[in-house]
Amino acid sequence: MASTAGHRADRPLRYFFTSLRTLMRSLLTTVSVALAFGASLAAMPAHAVSLATNGSWAGFTTDDLQGPFATPLVWLDEVSYNPISFDFTVPTGYVATLTVVDTGYSGETFKVTDNGNLLGQTGPAVDGFGGTSITNFDAALANTNYSRASFTLSEGSHSISGSLASTFSGINASTGGLRVTLAPVPEPATVFSLLAGLALLAAVARRRAA
């Protein structure tokens, strides 16, 4: 009788541990599914938009509360909040200048990639959180508090994307813009004439100094 009573007393404890194991397995399964789903979202290609090469600006945002789960702080479309890339082609005989600038409150820097390869990072940045917010791209570019960078790109197809590299505010939400301008590749004769002219100016300067 005592043995039977002891087994009965153990039943609630056994039931508790059995339920706990079941709950833990369920939680682990849920976490695994969520991580797999997030990884699949992170691996999804960015939504590509065509970027004009006439110097007009295009905007992007980063926001860890709006972007897809488990996606790094990549550039996002300002409306859909989906990862975004900016695509354009530099024609033969031209070079492109890509300019990227931070907007909103100053203080953020961005990593910039082309076809998945790192071009570099914007900078430097001055912490302006709580101050004046500048949303105009040209005004931000003229303000040295805002990080910026320029890159020279050769002829061919380019797909520009990026991510938030650093922020003073600690808030992983930012905005920025980019633009592309084209210029003809100098002809060899033009380059030779330019070098000859520079050499002549240097010679004249030396004579005057003497």
Protein backbone atom coordinates (compact mmCIF):
# COMPACT_ATOMS: atom_id res chain seq x y z
CA MET A 1 0.00 0.00 0.00
CA ALA A 2 2.79 2.41 0.86
CA SER A 3 4.49 1.73 -2.47
CA THR A 4 1.27 2.37 -4.36
CA ALA A 5 0.71 5.61 -2.48
CA GLY A 6 4.27 6.71 -3.30
CA HIS A 7 3.76 6.12 -7.01
CA ARG A 8 0.55 8.10 -6.88
CA ALA A 9 2.33 10.98 -5.14
CA ASP A 10 4.99 11.02 -7.89
CA ARG A 11 2.44 11.32 -10.69
CA PRO A 12 2.00 15.14 -10.51
CA LEU A 13 5.78 15.62 -10.55
CA ARG A 14 6.22 13.26 -13.50
CA TYR A 15 3.40 14.98 -15.35
CA PHE A 16 5.06 18.36 -14.72
CA PHE A 17 8.43 17.27 -16.16
CA THR A 18 6.77 15.53 -19.10
CA SER A 19 4.82 18.69 -19.89
CA LEU A 20 7.97 20.78 -19.49
CA ARG A 21 9.89 18.59 -21.96
CA THR A 22 7.01 18.81 -24.44
CA LEU A 23 6.92 22.60 -24.09
CA MET A 24 10.69 22.91 -24.59
CA ARG A 25 10.55 20.75 -27.72
CA SER A 26 7.73 22.88 -29.06
CA LEU A 27 9.67 26.09 -28.37
CA LEU A 28 12.82 24.74 -30.01
CA THR A 29 10.83 23.73 -33.07
CA THR A 30 9.23 27.18 -33.26
CA VAL A 31 12.59 28.94 -32.94
CA SER A 32 14.15 26.70 -35.59
CA VAL A 33 11.32 27.41 -38.01
CA ALA A 34 11.54 31.15 -37.33
CA LEU A 35 15.30 31.20 -37.88
CA ALA A 36 14.96 29.23 -41.09
CA PHE A 37 12.24 31.59 -42.30
CA GLY A 38 14.34 34.62 -41.40
CA ALA A 39 17.37 33.18 -43.17
CA SER A 40 15.30 32.60 -46.29
CA LEU A 41 14.16 36.22 -46.20
CA ALA A 42 17.71 37.44 -45.73
CA ALA A 43 18.79 35.39 -48.74
CA MET A 44 16.10 36.87 -50.98
CA PRO A 45 17.51 39.13 -53.71
CA ALA A 46 16.99 42.85 -53.27
CA HIS A 47 14.28 44.57 -55.27
CA ALA A 48 16.07 46.26 -58.17
CA VAL A 49 15.12 49.70 -59.44
CA SER A 50 16.62 51.58 -62.37
CA LEU A 51 18.78 54.54 -61.39
CA ALA A 52 19.07 57.42 -63.83
CA THR A 53 22.59 58.51 -64.74
CA ASN A 54 21.73 62.19 -65.14
CA GLY A 55 22.60 63.23 -61.60
CA SER A 56 19.09 62.96 -60.15
CA TRP A 57 18.86 61.65 -56.59
CA ALA A 58 17.22 58.45 -55.36
CA GLY A 59 16.51 57.73 -51.71
CA PHE A 60 16.71 54.74 -49.39
CA THR A 61 16.12 54.00 -45.71
CA THR A 62 17.30 51.54 -43.06
CA ASP A 63 15.11 50.46 -40.16
CA ASP A 64 15.49 47.38 -37.99
CA LEU A 65 11.80 47.60 -37.03
CA GLN A 66 10.56 47.71 -40.62
CA GLY A 67 12.95 45.46 -42.54
CA PRO A 68 12.38 41.70 -42.95
CA PHE A 69 13.13 39.48 -39.96
CA ALA A 70 16.81 38.49 -39.64
CA THR A 71 17.82 40.81 -42.47
CA PRO A 72 20.86 42.99 -41.69
CA LEU A 73 20.39 46.74 -41.75
CA VAL A 74 20.47 46.89 -45.53
CA TRP A 75 19.11 49.70 -47.66
CA LEU A 76 15.33 49.45 -47.91
CA ASP A 77 12.71 50.84 -50.26
CA GLU A 78 11.19 53.90 -48.60
CA VAL A 79 7.62 52.69 -49.26
CA SER A 80 7.61 48.89 -49.15
CA TYR A 81 10.58 48.52 -46.74
CA ASN A 82 11.90 45.67 -48.87
CA PRO A 83 15.66 45.39 -49.54
CA ILE A 84 16.54 47.51 -52.56
CA SER A 85 19.34 47.84 -55.12
CA PHE A 86 19.89 50.58 -57.70
CA ASP A 87 20.85 49.37 -61.18
CA PHE A 88 22.32 51.29 -64.09
CA THR A 89 24.68 50.84 -67.03
CA VAL A 90 27.70 52.97 -67.88
CA PRO A 91 28.02 53.10 -71.69
CA THR A 92 31.25 52.51 -73.55
CA GLY A 93 33.48 55.56 -73.59
CA TYR A 94 32.19 56.92 -70.28
CA VAL A 95 32.99 56.75 -66.58
CA ALA A 96 30.48 57.24 -63.79
CA THR A 97 30.74 59.03 -60.48
CA LEU A 98 28.55 57.52 -57.77
CA THR A 99 27.80 59.81 -54.81
CA VAL A 100 26.19 58.56 -51.58
CA VAL A 101 25.14 60.85 -48.72
CA ASP A 102 23.45 60.48 -45.33
CA THR A 103 20.28 62.51 -44.63
CA GLY A 104 17.87 63.08 -41.75
CA TYR A 105 19.90 63.56 -38.57
CA SER A 106 23.63 63.41 -39.21
CA GLY A 107 25.69 60.67 -37.61
CA GLU A 108 25.24 57.56 -39.75
CA THR A 109 27.71 55.93 -42.11
CA PHE A 110 26.95 53.36 -44.80
CA LYS A 111 28.77 50.52 -46.47
CA VAL A 112 28.33 50.63 -50.25
CA THR A 113 28.54 47.61 -52.55
CA ASP A 114 28.50 47.15 -56.32
CA ASN A 115 27.33 43.77 -57.62
CA GLY A 116 27.94 42.41 -54.13
CA ASN A 117 31.50 43.74 -53.90
CA LEU A 118 32.38 46.34 -51.28
CA LEU A 119 33.21 49.73 -52.78
CA GLY A 120 33.86 51.47 -49.48
CA GLN A 121 32.15 53.37 -46.70
CA THR A 122 30.79 56.87 -46.28
CA GLY A 123 32.33 59.19 -43.74
CA PRO A 124 33.17 60.99 -41.61
CA ALA A 125 30.02 61.71 -39.60
CA VAL A 126 29.20 64.20 -36.85
CA ASP A 127 26.50 63.30 -34.32
CA GLY A 128 23.49 65.48 -35.00
CA PHE A 129 20.78 63.46 -33.27
CA GLY A 130 18.27 65.80 -31.68
CA GLY A 131 19.36 68.71 -33.85
CA THR A 132 18.14 69.81 -37.26
CA SER A 133 17.04 67.12 -39.68
CA ILE A 134 18.04 67.69 -43.31
CA THR A 135 16.08 65.73 -45.89
CA ASN A 136 17.29 67.57 -48.99
CA PHE A 137 20.10 65.59 -50.60
CA ASP A 138 22.01 68.58 -51.98
CA ALA A 139 21.77 70.40 -48.65
CA ALA A 140 23.07 67.34 -46.79
CA LEU A 141 25.92 66.98 -49.29
CA ALA A 142 26.90 70.61 -48.68
CA ASN A 143 26.88 70.07 -44.90
CA THR A 144 30.12 68.50 -43.66
CA ASN A 145 28.33 66.98 -40.64
CA TYR A 146 26.81 64.39 -42.96
CA SER A 147 28.82 61.40 -44.10
CA ARG A 148 29.34 60.99 -47.83
CA ALA A 149 31.47 59.16 -50.36
CA SER A 150 32.15 59.24 -54.09
CA PHE A 151 33.23 56.31 -56.24
CA THR A 152 34.40 56.17 -59.85
CA LEU A 153 32.88 53.32 -61.85
CA SER A 154 33.90 52.05 -65.27
CA GLU A 155 31.69 51.06 -68.21
CA GLY A 156 29.35 48.12 -67.75
CA SER A 157 26.40 47.08 -65.60
CA HIS A 158 26.28 48.09 -61.96
CA SER A 159 23.97 47.16 -59.09
CA ILE A 160 24.43 49.38 -56.04
CA SER A 161 23.23 48.39 -52.59
CA GLY A 162 24.37 49.09 -49.06
CA SER A 163 23.87 48.77 -45.33
CA LEU A 164 24.09 50.83 -42.16
CA ALA A 165 27.68 50.70 -40.89
CA SER A 166 27.52 52.89 -37.78
CA THR A 167 25.27 55.32 -35.94
CA PHE A 168 25.88 57.71 -33.05
CA SER A 169 22.28 57.67 -31.84
CA GLY A 170 22.07 53.92 -31.36
CA ILE A 171 18.79 53.97 -33.26
CA ASN A 172 19.10 51.67 -36.24
CA ALA A 173 16.95 53.81 -38.50
CA SER A 174 18.31 56.23 -41.07
CA THR A 175 17.83 57.71 -44.52
CA GLY A 176 20.17 58.56 -47.35
CA GLY A 177 20.46 59.14 -51.06
CA LEU A 178 22.61 58.39 -54.07
CA ARG A 179 23.12 59.76 -57.56
CA VAL A 180 25.17 58.91 -60.64
CA THR A 181 26.71 61.26 -63.19
CA LEU A 182 28.52 60.35 -66.42
CA ALA A 183 31.56 61.90 -68.06
CA PRO A 184 33.36 60.95 -71.29
CA VAL A 185 36.62 59.07 -70.93
CA PRO A 186 39.38 61.51 -72.01
CA GLU A 187 40.92 60.65 -75.38
CA PRO A 188 44.65 59.79 -75.32
CA ALA A 189 45.46 62.92 -77.34
CA THR A 190 43.53 65.04 -74.86
CA VAL A 191 45.41 63.51 -71.95
CA PHE A 192 48.75 64.12 -73.71
CA SER A 193 47.83 67.75 -74.39
CA LEU A 194 46.82 68.22 -70.78
CA LEU A 195 50.10 66.77 -69.51
CA ALA A 196 52.08 68.89 -71.95
CA GLY A 197 50.22 72.00 -70.80
CA LEU A 198 50.90 71.19 -67.16
CA ALA A 199 54.59 70.66 -67.91
CA LEU A 200 54.74 74.03 -69.69
CA LEU A 201 53.08 75.79 -66.76
CA ALA A 202 55.55 74.17 -64.37
CA ALA A 203 58.49 75.32 -66.52
CA VAL A 204 57.18 78.90 -66.61
CA ALA A 205 56.69 78.85 -62.84
CA ARG A 206 60.28 77.68 -62.31
CA ARG A 207 61.64 80.45 -64.55
CA ARG A 208 59.70 83.09 -62.67
CA ALA A 209 60.94 81.70 -59.37
CA ALA A 210 64.53 81.88 -60.63
